[in-house]
C-alpha atoms as a PDB file:
ATOM      1  CA  MET A   1      10.596  29.547   6.076  1.00  0.00           C
ATOM      2  CA  GLU A   2       8.540  29.617   9.286  1.00  0.00           C
ATOM      3  CA  GLN A   3       7.118  26.382  10.620  1.00  0.00           C
ATOM      4  CA  PRO A   4       4.679  25.083   7.986  1.00  0.00           C
ATOM      5  CA  ILE A   5       1.406  23.428   8.889  1.00  0.00           C
ATOM      6  CA  ILE A   6       1.957  20.351   6.681  1.00  0.00           C
ATOM      7  CA  THR A   7       5.093  18.503   5.604  1.00  0.00           C
ATOM      8  CA  VAL A   8       4.859  16.308   2.512  1.00  0.00           C
ATOM      9  CA  VAL A   9       7.488  13.577   2.239  1.00  0.00           C
ATOM     10  CA  VAL A  10       8.186  12.249  -1.264  1.00  0.00           C
ATOM     11  CA  PRO A  11      10.760   9.461  -1.725  1.00  0.00           C
ATOM     12  CA  VAL A  12      12.303   9.761  -5.177  1.00  0.00           C
ATOM     13  CA  TYR A  13      14.114   7.052  -7.090  1.00  0.00           C
ATOM     14  CA  ASN A  14      14.288   6.948 -10.911  1.00  0.00           C
ATOM     15  CA  ALA A  15      10.890   8.583 -11.213  1.00  0.00           C
ATOM     16  CA  GLU A  16      11.618  10.993 -14.071  1.00  0.00           C
ATOM     17  CA  ARG A  17       8.556   9.925 -16.083  1.00  0.00           C
ATOM     18  CA  TYR A  18       5.994  11.009 -13.479  1.00  0.00           C
ATOM     19  CA  LEU A  19       7.854  13.183 -10.982  1.00  0.00           C
ATOM     20  CA  ASN A  20       6.978  16.551 -12.522  1.00  0.00           C
ATOM     21  CA  ALA A  21       3.269  15.735 -12.465  1.00  0.00           C
ATOM     22  CA  CYS A  22       3.519  14.591  -8.855  1.00  0.00           C
ATOM     23  CA  ILE A  23       5.234  17.785  -7.678  1.00  0.00           C
ATOM     24  CA  GLU A  24       2.884  19.942  -9.763  1.00  0.00           C
ATOM     25  CA  SER A  25      -0.076  18.387  -7.947  1.00  0.00           C
ATOM     26  CA  ILE A  26       1.524  19.349  -4.624  1.00  0.00           C
ATOM     27  CA  ALA A  27       2.304  22.890  -5.780  1.00  0.00           C
ATOM     28  CA  ALA A  28      -1.277  23.317  -7.041  1.00  0.00           C
ATOM     29  CA  GLN A  29      -2.896  22.707  -3.632  1.00  0.00           C
ATOM     30  CA  THR A  30      -5.594  25.146  -2.532  1.00  0.00           C
ATOM     31  CA  PHE A  31      -3.924  25.061   0.899  1.00  0.00           C
ATOM     32  CA  SER A  32      -0.573  26.823   0.676  1.00  0.00           C
ATOM     33  CA  ASP A  33       1.115  26.541   4.089  1.00  0.00           C
ATOM     34  CA  TRP A  34       3.150  23.420   3.425  1.00  0.00           C
ATOM     35  CA  GLU A  35       6.685  22.216   2.789  1.00  0.00           C
ATOM     36  CA  ALA A  36       7.661  19.314   0.551  1.00  0.00           C
ATOM     37  CA  ILE A  37      10.774  17.263   1.242  1.00  0.00           C
ATOM     38  CA  LEU A  38      11.956  15.328  -1.799  1.00  0.00           C
ATOM     39  CA  ILE A  39      14.303  12.527  -0.754  1.00  0.00           C
ATOM     40  CA  ASP A  40      16.491  11.707  -3.743  1.00  0.00           C
ATOM     41  CA  ASP A  41      17.445   8.124  -2.928  1.00  0.00           C
ATOM     42  CA  GLY A  42      20.413   7.889  -5.258  1.00  0.00           C
ATOM     43  CA  ALA A  43      18.457   8.246  -8.495  1.00  0.00           C
ATOM     44  CA  THR A  44      20.390   7.457 -11.671  1.00  0.00           C
ATOM     45  CA  ASP A  45      18.016   9.167 -14.099  1.00  0.00           C
ATOM     46  CA  SER A  46      17.010  12.836 -14.298  1.00  0.00           C
ATOM     47  CA  SER A  47      14.949  12.708 -11.075  1.00  0.00           C
ATOM     48  CA  SER A  48      17.672  14.529  -9.126  1.00  0.00           C
ATOM     49  CA  ALA A  49      17.784  17.397 -11.622  1.00  0.00           C
ATOM     50  CA  ILE A  50      13.984  17.628 -11.710  1.00  0.00           C
ATOM     51  CA  SER A  51      13.876  17.796  -7.913  1.00  0.00           C
ATOM     52  CA  ASP A  52      16.564  20.491  -7.741  1.00  0.00           C
ATOM     53  CA  ALA A  53      14.798  22.540 -10.420  1.00  0.00           C
ATOM     54  CA  TRP A  54      11.579  22.525  -8.401  1.00  0.00           C
ATOM     55  CA  ALA A  55      13.458  23.565  -5.237  1.00  0.00           C
ATOM     56  CA  LYS A  56      14.770  26.605  -7.103  1.00  0.00           C
ATOM     57  CA  ARG A  57      11.279  27.492  -8.322  1.00  0.00           C
ATOM     58  CA  ASP A  58       9.453  27.090  -5.007  1.00  0.00           C
ATOM     59  CA  ALA A  59      10.999  27.916  -1.623  1.00  0.00           C
ATOM     60  CA  ARG A  60       8.607  25.485   0.064  1.00  0.00           C
ATOM     61  CA  ILE A  61      10.364  22.563  -1.607  1.00  0.00           C
ATOM     62  CA  ARG A  62      13.543  21.049  -0.164  1.00  0.00           C
ATOM     63  CA  VAL A  63      15.667  18.291  -1.660  1.00  0.00           C
ATOM     64  CA  VAL A  64      17.766  15.769   0.242  1.00  0.00           C
ATOM     65  CA  HIS A  65      20.264  13.795  -1.830  1.00  0.00           C
ATOM     66  CA  GLN A  66      21.439  10.492  -0.355  1.00  0.00           C
ATOM     67  CA  LYS A  67      22.971   7.213  -1.465  1.00  0.00           C
ATOM     68  CA  ASN A  68      20.443   4.594  -2.500  1.00  0.00           C
ATOM     69  CA  SER A  69      19.226   3.083   0.765  1.00  0.00           C
ATOM     70  CA  GLY A  70      15.678   1.973  -0.008  1.00  0.00           C
ATOM     71  CA  VAL A  71      12.284   3.588   0.375  1.00  0.00           C
ATOM     72  CA  SER A  72      12.045   2.968   4.135  1.00  0.00           C
ATOM     73  CA  ARG A  73      15.227   4.910   4.922  1.00  0.00           C
ATOM     74  CA  ALA A  74      14.194   7.585   2.439  1.00  0.00           C
ATOM     75  CA  ARG A  75      10.862   8.145   4.166  1.00  0.00           C
ATOM     76  CA  ASN A  76      12.554   8.060   7.582  1.00  0.00           C
ATOM     77  CA  ALA A  77      14.931  10.770   6.407  1.00  0.00           C
ATOM     78  CA  GLY A  78      11.911  12.864   5.493  1.00  0.00           C
ATOM     79  CA  ILE A  79      10.237  12.323   8.868  1.00  0.00           C
ATOM     80  CA  GLU A  80      13.414  13.334  10.699  1.00  0.00           C
ATOM     81  CA  ARG A  81      13.557  16.619   8.771  1.00  0.00           C
ATOM     82  CA  ALA A  82       9.840  17.430   8.883  1.00  0.00           C
ATOM     83  CA  LYS A  83       8.984  20.815  10.363  1.00  0.00           C
ATOM     84  CA  GLY A  84       5.242  20.619   9.846  1.00  0.00           C
ATOM     85  CA  ARG A  85       2.637  20.106  12.542  1.00  0.00           C
ATOM     86  CA  TYR A  86       1.159  17.430  10.303  1.00  0.00           C
ATOM     87  CA  LEU A  87       2.808  15.016   7.904  1.00  0.00           C
ATOM     88  CA  MET A  88       1.727  13.168   4.782  1.00  0.00           C
ATOM     89  CA  PHE A  89       3.405  10.775   2.360  1.00  0.00           C
ATOM     90  CA  VAL A  90       3.118  10.961  -1.420  1.00  0.00           C
ATOM     91  CA  ASP A  91       4.703   8.460  -3.798  1.00  0.00           C
ATOM     92  CA  SER A  92       6.627  10.048  -6.660  1.00  0.00           C
ATOM     93  CA  ASP A  93       4.350   8.643  -9.371  1.00  0.00           C
ATOM     94  CA  ASP A  94       1.078   9.543  -7.631  1.00  0.00           C
ATOM     95  CA  LEU A  95      -1.022  12.714  -7.616  1.00  0.00           C
ATOM     96  CA  LEU A  96      -2.968  14.829  -5.143  1.00  0.00           C
ATOM     97  CA  ARG A  97      -6.339  16.349  -5.930  1.00  0.00           C
ATOM     98  CA  PRO A  98      -6.118  20.162  -5.547  1.00  0.00           C
ATOM     99  CA  THR A  99      -8.138  20.175  -2.296  1.00  0.00           C
ATOM    100  CA  CYS A 100      -6.414  17.165  -0.698  1.00  0.00           C
ATOM    101  CA  MET A 101      -4.431  19.034   1.955  1.00  0.00           C
ATOM    102  CA  GLU A 102      -7.217  21.501   2.668  1.00  0.00           C
ATOM    103  CA  LYS A 103      -9.862  18.850   3.295  1.00  0.00           C
ATOM    104  CA  LEU A 104      -7.652  16.469   5.267  1.00  0.00           C
ATOM    105  CA  LEU A 105      -6.474  19.344   7.463  1.00  0.00           C
ATOM    106  CA  HIS A 106     -10.048  20.528   8.050  1.00  0.00           C
ATOM    107  CA  ALA A 107     -11.106  16.978   8.978  1.00  0.00           C
ATOM    108  CA  ILE A 108      -8.313  16.367  11.472  1.00  0.00           C
ATOM    109  CA  GLU A 109      -8.642  19.773  13.165  1.00  0.00           C
ATOM    110  CA  GLU A 110     -12.436  19.844  13.167  1.00  0.00           C
ATOM    111  CA  SER A 111     -12.631  16.430  14.842  1.00  0.00           C
ATOM    112  CA  GLY A 112      -9.520  16.587  17.017  1.00  0.00           C
ATOM    113  CA  ALA A 113      -8.380  13.306  15.450  1.00  0.00           C
ATOM    114  CA  ASP A 114      -4.903  11.770  15.568  1.00  0.00           C
ATOM    115  CA  MET A 115      -5.071  10.908  11.874  1.00  0.00           C
ATOM    116  CA  ALA A 116      -7.174  11.801   8.851  1.00  0.00           C
ATOM    117  CA  VAL A 117      -7.797   9.487   5.911  1.00  0.00           C
ATOM    118  CA  CYS A 118      -9.440  10.125   2.547  1.00  0.00           C
ATOM    119  CA  GLY A 119     -10.555   8.110  -0.439  1.00  0.00           C
ATOM    120  CA  PHE A 120      -8.237   7.309  -3.329  1.00  0.00           C
ATOM    121  CA  THR A 121      -8.500   6.420  -6.990  1.00  0.00           C
ATOM    122  CA  ARG A 122      -6.402   3.757  -8.671  1.00  0.00           C
ATOM    123  CA  PHE A 123      -5.731   4.712 -12.271  1.00  0.00           C
ATOM    124  CA  ARG A 124      -3.826   3.744 -15.394  1.00  0.00           C
ATOM    125  CA  ASP A 125      -4.301   4.345 -19.140  1.00  0.00           C
ATOM    126  CA  GLY A 126      -7.894   5.535 -18.969  1.00  0.00           C
ATOM    127  CA  TRP A 127      -8.965   3.030 -16.291  1.00  0.00           C
ATOM    128  CA  GLU A 128     -10.002   4.237 -12.845  1.00  0.00           C
ATOM    129  CA  GLN A 129     -11.360   2.661  -9.656  1.00  0.00           C
ATOM    130  CA  THR A 130     -12.252   4.673  -6.560  1.00  0.00           C
ATOM    131  CA  SER A 131     -12.286   3.455  -2.954  1.00  0.00           C
ATOM    132  CA  LEU A 132     -13.792   5.468  -0.112  1.00  0.00           C
ATOM    133  CA  PRO A 133     -13.291   4.978   3.637  1.00  0.00           C
ATOM    134  CA  CYS A 134     -16.878   5.997   4.372  1.00  0.00           C
ATOM    135  CA  GLU A 135     -20.043   7.094   2.588  1.00  0.00           C
ATOM    136  CA  ALA A 136     -20.536  10.338   4.520  1.00  0.00           C
ATOM    137  CA  PRO A 137     -18.546  13.509   3.715  1.00  0.00           C
ATOM    138  CA  LEU A 138     -16.934  13.164   7.156  1.00  0.00           C
ATOM    139  CA  ASP A 139     -16.997  10.244   9.577  1.00  0.00           C
ATOM    140  CA  VAL A 140     -15.167  10.023  12.899  1.00  0.00           C
ATOM    141  CA  TRP A 141     -13.907   6.675  14.173  1.00  0.00           C
ATOM    142  CA  ASP A 142     -13.500   6.741  17.936  1.00  0.00           C
ATOM    143  CA  GLY A 143     -11.442   4.134  19.762  1.00  0.00           C
ATOM    144  CA  ILE A 144      -9.134   1.428  18.460  1.00  0.00           C
ATOM    145  CA  GLY A 145     -11.958  -1.102  18.201  1.00  0.00           C
ATOM    146  CA  GLU A 146     -13.820   1.084  15.721  1.00  0.00           C
ATOM    147  CA  ILE A 147     -10.684   2.104  13.825  1.00  0.00           C
ATOM    148  CA  LEU A 148      -9.743  -1.526  13.247  1.00  0.00           C
ATOM    149  CA  ARG A 149     -12.981  -2.058  11.343  1.00  0.00           C
ATOM    150  CA  VAL A 150     -11.036  -1.150   8.214  1.00  0.00           C
ATOM    151  CA  TYR A 151      -9.557  -4.658   8.399  1.00  0.00           C
ATOM    152  CA  GLY A 152     -13.001  -6.233   8.443  1.00  0.00           C
ATOM    153  CA  SER A 153     -13.906  -5.609   4.821  1.00  0.00           C
ATOM    154  CA  THR A 154     -12.148  -6.105   1.505  1.00  0.00           C
ATOM    155  CA  ARG A 155     -13.650  -2.739   0.513  1.00  0.00           C
ATOM    156  CA  THR A 156     -11.810  -0.825   3.239  1.00  0.00           C
ATOM    157  CA  HIS A 157      -8.823  -3.131   3.824  1.00  0.00           C
ATOM    158  CA  MET A 158      -6.477  -0.957   1.750  1.00  0.00           C
ATOM    159  CA  PHE A 159      -6.963   1.929   4.189  1.00  0.00           C
ATOM    160  CA  GLY A 160      -5.302  -0.256   6.831  1.00  0.00           C
ATOM    161  CA  ILE A 161      -2.183  -1.018   4.806  1.00  0.00           C
ATOM    162  CA  SER A 162      -1.435   2.107   2.734  1.00  0.00           C
ATOM    163  CA  ILE A 163       0.440   5.077   4.172  1.00  0.00           C
ATOM    164  CA  TRP A 164      -0.704   7.591   1.570  1.00  0.00           C
ATOM    165  CA  ALA A 165      -4.113   9.328   1.443  1.00  0.00           C
ATOM    166  CA  LYS A 166      -3.577  10.116   5.129  1.00  0.00           C
ATOM    167  CA  LEU A 167      -2.560  13.020   7.334  1.00  0.00           C
ATOM    168  CA  TYR A 168      -0.634  12.281  10.547  1.00  0.00           C
ATOM    169  CA  ARG A 169       0.165  14.365  13.612  1.00  0.00           C
ATOM    170  CA  THR A 170       3.963  14.659  13.422  1.00  0.00           C
ATOM    171  CA  GLU A 171       4.295  15.038  17.184  1.00  0.00           C
ATOM    172  CA  LEU A 172       2.470  11.742  17.728  1.00  0.00           C
ATOM    173  CA  LEU A 173       4.757   9.873  15.319  1.00  0.00           C
ATOM    174  CA  ASN A 174       7.811  11.252  17.090  1.00  0.00           C
ATOM    175  CA  GLU A 175       6.401  10.614  20.549  1.00  0.00           C
ATOM    176  CA  HIS A 176       5.998   6.914  19.742  1.00  0.00           C
ATOM    177  CA  GLY A 177       9.133   6.692  17.601  1.00  0.00           C
ATOM    178  CA  THR A 178       7.129   5.431  14.632  1.00  0.00           C
ATOM    179  CA  ARG A 179       9.428   4.855  11.681  1.00  0.00           C
ATOM    180  CA  PHE A 180       9.737   2.518   8.702  1.00  0.00           C
ATOM    181  CA  ASP A 181      11.723  -0.657   9.296  1.00  0.00           C
ATOM    182  CA  PRO A 182      14.620  -0.745   6.766  1.00  0.00           C
ATOM    183  CA  ALA A 183      14.792  -4.540   7.165  1.00  0.00           C
ATOM    184  CA  ILE A 184      11.346  -4.825   5.553  1.00  0.00           C
ATOM    185  CA  SER A 185      11.607  -4.135   1.839  1.00  0.00           C
ATOM    186  CA  TYR A 186       8.043  -5.025   0.830  1.00  0.00           C
ATOM    187  CA  GLU A 187       4.760  -3.954   2.487  1.00  0.00           C
ATOM    188  CA  GLU A 188       6.761  -1.671   4.745  1.00  0.00           C
ATOM    189  CA  ASP A 189       3.806   0.712   4.729  1.00  0.00           C
ATOM    190  CA  CYS A 190       1.537  -2.000   6.144  1.00  0.00           C
ATOM    191  CA  ASN A 191       3.774  -2.324   9.200  1.00  0.00           C
ATOM    192  CA  PHE A 192       3.978   1.447   9.644  1.00  0.00           C
ATOM    193  CA  ILE A 193       0.182   1.699   9.726  1.00  0.00           C
ATOM    194  CA  ALA A 194      -0.065  -1.244  12.147  1.00  0.00           C
ATOM    195  CA  ASP A 195       2.308   0.643  14.462  1.00  0.00           C
ATOM    196  CA  CYS A 196       0.168   3.796  14.191  1.00  0.00           C
ATOM    197  CA  PHE A 197      -3.088   1.945  14.820  1.00  0.00           C
ATOM    198  CA  GLY A 198      -1.581   0.603  18.030  1.00  0.00           C
ATOM    199  CA  TYR A 199      -1.888   4.042  19.666  1.00  0.00           C
ATOM    200  CA  VAL A 200      -4.152   6.204  17.493  1.00  0.00           C
ATOM    201  CA  GLN A 201      -7.434   6.847  19.298  1.00  0.00           C
ATOM    202  CA  ARG A 202      -9.449   8.824  16.765  1.00  0.00           C
ATOM    203  CA  VAL A 203      -9.454   8.890  12.961  1.00  0.00           C
ATOM    204  CA  ALA A 204     -11.303  11.392  10.768  1.00  0.00           C
ATOM    205  CA  ALA A 205     -12.440   9.801   7.501  1.00  0.00           C
ATOM    206  CA  VAL A 206     -13.229  11.936   4.463  1.00  0.00           C
ATOM    207  CA  GLY A 207     -15.655  10.277   2.060  1.00  0.00           C
ATOM    208  CA  GLU A 208     -14.093  11.744  -1.050  1.00  0.00           C
ATOM    209  CA  SER A 209     -11.289  10.628  -3.361  1.00  0.00           C
ATOM    210  CA  LEU A 210      -8.463  13.129  -2.879  1.00  0.00           C
ATOM    211  CA  TYR A 211      -5.454  10.956  -3.787  1.00  0.00           C
ATOM    212  CA  ARG A 212      -4.675   9.381  -7.163  1.00  0.00           C
ATOM    213  CA  TYR A 213      -2.674   6.155  -6.972  1.00  0.00           C
ATOM    214  CA  ARG A 214      -0.991   5.267 -10.241  1.00  0.00           C
ATOM    215  CA  GLN A 215      -0.885   1.575 -11.099  1.00  0.00           C
ATOM    216  CA  MET A 216       1.632   0.766 -13.781  1.00  0.00           C
ATOM    217  CA  ASP A 217       1.019  -2.061 -16.252  1.00  0.00           C
ATOM    218  CA  VAL A 218       4.671  -2.987 -15.955  1.00  0.00           C
ATOM    219  CA  SER A 219       6.281  -2.744 -12.519  1.00  0.00           C
ATOM    220  CA  LEU A 220       8.236  -4.861 -10.087  1.00  0.00           C
ATOM    221  CA  SER A 221       5.149  -5.285  -7.943  1.00  0.00           C
ATOM    222  CA  LYS A 222       3.229  -6.899 -10.799  1.00  0.00           C
ATOM    223  CA  GLY A 223       5.620  -9.787 -11.439  1.00  0.00           C
ATOM    224  CA  TYR A 224       6.763 -12.570  -9.152  1.00  0.00           C
ATOM    225  CA  ARG A 225       9.588 -11.714  -6.793  1.00  0.00           C
ATOM    226  CA  ARG A 226      11.051 -14.487  -4.685  1.00  0.00           C
ATOM    227  CA  ASP A 227      11.753 -12.275  -1.689  1.00  0.00           C
ATOM    228  CA  THR A 228       8.280 -10.778  -1.193  1.00  0.00           C
ATOM    229  CA  PHE A 229       6.030 -13.540   0.117  1.00  0.00           C
ATOM    230  CA  ARG A 230       7.685 -13.673   3.527  1.00  0.00           C
ATOM    231  CA  PHE A 231       7.032  -9.952   3.922  1.00  0.00           C
ATOM    232  CA  LEU A 232       3.391 -10.473   2.964  1.00  0.00           C
ATOM    233  CA  ILE A 233       3.139 -13.124   5.673  1.00  0.00           C
ATOM    234  CA  HIS A 234       4.850 -10.796   8.133  1.00  0.00           C
ATOM    235  CA  GLY A 235       2.315  -8.047   7.391  1.00  0.00           C
ATOM    236  CA  TYR A 236      -0.540 -10.506   7.743  1.00  0.00           C
ATOM    237  CA  GLY A 237       0.834 -11.548  11.132  1.00  0.00           C
ATOM    238  CA  ARG A 238       1.105  -7.924  12.262  1.00  0.00           C
ATOM    239  CA  ARG A 239      -2.513  -7.234  11.385  1.00  0.00           C
ATOM    240  CA  CYS A 240      -3.787 -10.413  13.027  1.00  0.00           C
ATOM    241  CA  GLY A 241      -1.737  -9.662  16.135  1.00  0.00           C
ATOM    242  CA  LEU A 242      -3.195  -6.163  16.285  1.00  0.00           C
ATOM    243  CA  LEU A 243      -6.746  -7.465  15.983  1.00  0.00           C
ATOM    244  CA  LYS A 244      -6.189 -10.052  18.716  1.00  0.00           C
ATOM    245  CA  ALA A 245      -4.554  -7.531  21.031  1.00  0.00           C
ATOM    246  CA  HIS A 246      -7.591  -5.259  20.833  1.00  0.00           C
ATOM    247  CA  GLY A 247     -10.341  -7.853  20.996  1.00  0.00           C
ATOM    248  CA  ARG A 248     -11.319  -7.849  17.313  1.00  0.00           C
ATOM    249  CA  GLU A 249     -10.915 -11.564  16.632  1.00  0.00           C
ATOM    250  CA  ASP A 250     -14.235 -11.323  14.766  1.00  0.00           C
ATOM    251  CA  LEU A 251     -12.352  -9.677  11.906  1.00  0.00           C
ATOM    252  CA  LEU A 252      -9.764 -12.456  11.513  1.00  0.00           C
ATOM    253  CA  PRO A 253     -11.784 -14.466   8.932  1.00  0.00           C
ATOM    254  CA  VAL A 254     -11.622 -11.517   6.540  1.00  0.00           C
ATOM    255  CA  GLN A 255      -7.849 -11.391   6.965  1.00  0.00           C
ATOM    256  CA  GLU A 256      -7.660 -15.108   6.179  1.00  0.00           C
ATOM    257  CA  SER A 257      -9.744 -14.574   3.030  1.00  0.00           C
ATOM    258  CA  ILE A 258      -7.426 -11.768   1.936  1.00  0.00           C
ATOM    259  CA  LEU A 259      -4.395 -13.974   2.641  1.00  0.00           C
ATOM    260  CA  LEU A 260      -5.819 -16.676   0.381  1.00  0.00           C
ATOM    261  CA  LEU A 261      -6.368 -14.046  -2.311  1.00  0.00           C
ATOM    262  CA  VAL A 262      -2.665 -13.163  -1.937  1.00  0.00           C
ATOM    263  CA  VAL A 263      -1.828 -16.868  -2.321  1.00  0.00           C
ATOM    264  CA  LYS A 264      -3.942 -17.007  -5.471  1.00  0.00           C
ATOM    265  CA  ASN A 265      -2.341 -13.893  -6.965  1.00  0.00           C
ATOM    266  CA  THR A 266       1.144 -15.130  -6.077  1.00  0.00           C
ATOM    267  CA  SER A 267       0.386 -18.499  -7.670  1.00  0.00           C
ATOM    268  CA  VAL A 268      -0.716 -16.729 -10.852  1.00  0.00           C
ATOM    269  CA  LYS A 269       2.498 -14.668 -10.891  1.00  0.00           C
ATOM    270  CA  ILE A 270       4.599 -17.799 -10.408  1.00  0.00           C
ATOM    271  CA  SER A 271       2.714 -19.555 -13.196  1.00  0.00           C
ATOM    272  CA  ARG A 272       3.286 -16.648 -15.602  1.00  0.00           C
ATOM    273  CA  SER A 273       6.966 -16.247 -14.702  1.00  0.00           C
ATOM    274  CA  GLU A 274       9.873 -17.415 -16.830  1.00  0.00           C
ATOM    275  CA  MET A 275      11.058 -19.900 -14.189  1.00  0.00           C
ATOM    276  CA  THR A 276      11.540 -23.579 -14.975  1.00  0.00           C
ATOM    277  CA  ARG A 277       8.973 -26.121 -13.817  1.00  0.00           C
ATOM    278  CA  LYS A 278      11.285 -27.158 -11.005  1.00  0.00           C
ATOM    279  CA  GLU A 279      11.757 -23.562  -9.871  1.00  0.00           C
ATOM    280  CA  LYS A 280       8.013 -22.956  -9.957  1.00  0.00           C
ATOM    281  CA  ARG A 281       7.341 -26.064  -7.892  1.00  0.00           C
ATOM    282  CA  GLU A 282       9.916 -24.874  -5.357  1.00  0.00           C
ATOM    283  CA  ALA A 283       8.195 -21.472  -5.218  1.00  0.00           C
ATOM    284  CA  TYR A 284       4.825 -23.124  -4.573  1.00  0.00           C
ATOM    285  CA  ALA A 285       6.435 -25.284  -1.888  1.00  0.00           C
ATOM    286  CA  GLU A 286       7.836 -22.175  -0.214  1.00  0.00           C
ATOM    287  CA  MET A 287       4.311 -20.774   0.194  1.00  0.00           C
ATOM    288  CA  LEU A 288       3.060 -24.039   1.646  1.00  0.00           C
ATOM    289  CA  ARG A 289       5.727 -23.971   4.345  1.00  0.00           C
ATOM    290  CA  TYR A 290       3.894 -21.166   6.109  1.00  0.00           C
ATOM    291  CA  PRO A 291       1.350 -22.533   8.599  1.00  0.00           C
ATOM    292  CA  GLU A 292      -0.619 -19.286   8.237  1.00  0.00           C
ATOM    293  CA  VAL A 293      -1.365 -20.276   4.640  1.00  0.00           C
ATOM    294  CA  THR A 294      -2.379 -23.873   5.256  1.00  0.00           C
ATOM    295  CA  ASP A 295      -4.390 -22.954   8.373  1.00  0.00           C
ATOM    296  CA  ALA A 296      -6.330 -20.323   6.429  1.00  0.00           C
ATOM    297  CA  ALA A 297      -7.034 -22.830   3.656  1.00  0.00           C
ATOM    298  CA  ASP A 298      -8.225 -25.438   6.146  1.00  0.00           C
ATOM    299  CA  ARG A 299     -10.783 -23.012   7.572  1.00  0.00           C
ATOM    300  CA  ALA A 300     -11.879 -21.415   4.291  1.00  0.00           C
ATOM    301  CA  ASP A 301     -15.396 -21.732   2.924  1.00  0.00           C
ATOM    302  CA  THR A 302     -14.951 -21.724  -0.843  1.00  0.00           C
ATOM    303  CA  SER A 303     -18.428 -22.908  -1.785  1.00  0.00           C
ATOM    304  CA  HIS A 304     -19.192 -19.604  -3.536  1.00  0.00           C
ATOM    305  CA  SER A 305     -15.668 -18.888  -4.782  1.00  0.00           C
ATOM    306  CA  PRO A 306     -14.485 -18.934  -8.422  1.00  0.00           C
ATOM    307  CA  ARG A 307     -13.279 -22.291  -9.706  1.00  0.00           C
ATOM    308  CA  LEU A 308      -9.586 -21.378  -9.715  1.00  0.00           C
ATOM    309  CA  THR A 309      -9.804 -20.249  -6.083  1.00  0.00           C
ATOM    310  CA  ARG A 310     -11.455 -23.529  -5.078  1.00  0.00           C
ATOM    311  CA  MET A 311      -8.780 -25.547  -6.881  1.00  0.00           C
ATOM    312  CA  ILE A 312      -5.907 -23.572  -5.337  1.00  0.00           C
ATOM    313  CA  VAL A 313      -7.342 -23.821  -1.827  1.00  0.00           C
ATOM    314  CA  SER A 314      -7.872 -27.557  -2.294  1.00  0.00           C
ATOM    315  CA  ALA A 315      -4.260 -27.955  -3.393  1.00  0.00           C
ATOM    316  CA  VAL A 316      -3.042 -25.912  -0.409  1.00  0.00           C
ATOM    317  CA  ARG A 317      -5.074 -28.098   1.940  1.00  0.00           C
ATOM    318  CA  SER A 318      -3.325 -31.150   0.513  1.00  0.00           C
ATOM    319  CA  ARG A 319       0.070 -29.567   1.355  1.00  0.00           C
ATOM    320  CA  SER A 320       1.245 -30.720  -2.061  1.00  0.00           C
ATOM    321  CA  ALA A 321       3.377 -28.344  -4.129  1.00  0.00           C
ATOM    322  CA  LYS A 322       3.186 -30.842  -6.974  1.00  0.00           C
ATOM    323  CA  ARG A 323      -0.604 -30.673  -6.977  1.00  0.00           C
ATOM    324  CA  LEU A 324      -0.596 -26.875  -6.823  1.00  0.00           C
ATOM    325  CA  ALA A 325       1.869 -26.770  -9.722  1.00  0.00           C
ATOM    326  CA  ARG A 326      -0.426 -29.027 -11.743  1.00  0.00           C
ATOM    327  CA  VAL A 327      -3.443 -26.828 -11.026  1.00  0.00           C
ATOM    328  CA  MET A 328      -1.571 -23.744 -12.164  1.00  0.00           C
ATOM    329  CA  ARG A 329      -0.241 -25.421 -15.331  1.00  0.00           C
ATOM    330  CA  LEU A 330      -3.803 -26.309 -16.322  1.00  0.00           C
ATOM    331  CA  TRP A 331      -4.944 -22.780 -15.547  1.00  0.00           C
ATOM    332  CA  ARG A 332      -2.101 -21.326 -17.604  1.00  0.00           C
ATOM    333  CA  ILE A 333      -3.091 -23.415 -20.619  1.00  0.00           C
ATOM    334  CA  ALA A 334      -6.713 -22.288 -20.274  1.00  0.00           C
ATOM    335  CA  ASP A 335      -5.611 -18.677 -19.839  1.00  0.00           C
ATOM    336  CA  ARG A 336      -3.539 -18.775 -23.017  1.00  0.00           C
ATOM    337  CA  LEU A 337      -6.389 -20.337 -24.975  1.00  0.00           C
ATOM    338  CA  SER A 338      -8.766 -17.642 -23.740  1.00  0.00           C
ATOM    339  CA  ALA A 339      -6.314 -14.922 -24.779  1.00  0.00           C
ATOM    340  CA  LEU A 340      -5.953 -16.516 -28.216  1.00  0.00           C
ATOM    341  CA  LYS A 341      -9.719 -16.701 -28.595  1.00  0.00           C
ATOM    342  CA  ARG A 342     -10.087 -13.022 -27.734  1.00  0.00           C
ATOM    343  CA  ARG A 343      -7.473 -12.065 -30.334  1.00  0.00           C
ATOM    344  CA  ILE A 344      -9.263 -14.153 -32.997  1.00  0.00           C
ATOM    345  CA  VAL A 345     -12.621 -12.579 -32.168  1.00  0.00           C
ATOM    346  CA  LYS A 346     -11.111  -9.084 -32.508  1.00  0.00           C
END
């Protein structure tokens, strides 16, 4: 095929349950001048066959089969093969609204932006929650100082760490050698966006939800994983470094608040895990070894925060893993009692 306008990169690994719906949403776009590159990252289910079947049905779809190397290398493989003037990433369990490509393309070309971003909707089992980058149908953010405002609000923070719901100029990515770091296996998208924001000068924001982000009830990201917290800290450091480098230190308190929310969520995951008490205490101690965590707790104003947040921050300030473990044991007991009460009421 001739050079397409848009390349869609989809990393695929054991995604048979949702892959057809994902590809269907790409094929159903009102804008038709695109190519989709499905990177089969060594799938062991029927994802490979599903991908190949779609490639036979639609000449705009290409499949690359490779040994399992992780999502970062899979996306990099897609970037290297992209022919489109613009590039976008879609996760294999997510969906595009029919006008997603059309409206993102119009926004980036109308404004002369380096990147376009749209709203997205988290969804699962009948539940939905929509986040928008702006209230207007189209907003243009000029200059790095204005672009970095996304990190200054919990409402827009996700637009500064997610790679999807965006359209990139392929030439700009290649010019700066922007790729995913294979050494980072968690929040790799956060680092990719931080790299982009280091040189992007104009962003076109579409105030409409055009991307559907599926949140599974059961997934690796929902439970505690020992190897992830250091990557979360790394991403936090990248964002803070970016803000400091471009004179937006005023936004750092919001980043600290979000970090403490991460600490709270991680503490909850540890508490609910099947680890022994000793293992849990060691996991809490691991978090407390990061000065970023204790420094954020020392500066935090928790006067209007929920009780659990206040207790966790107080425990972090004490630098005591034993105290944090005790707080979370008490919370876990209360949580179980609340769940039991709800079942009895039903």
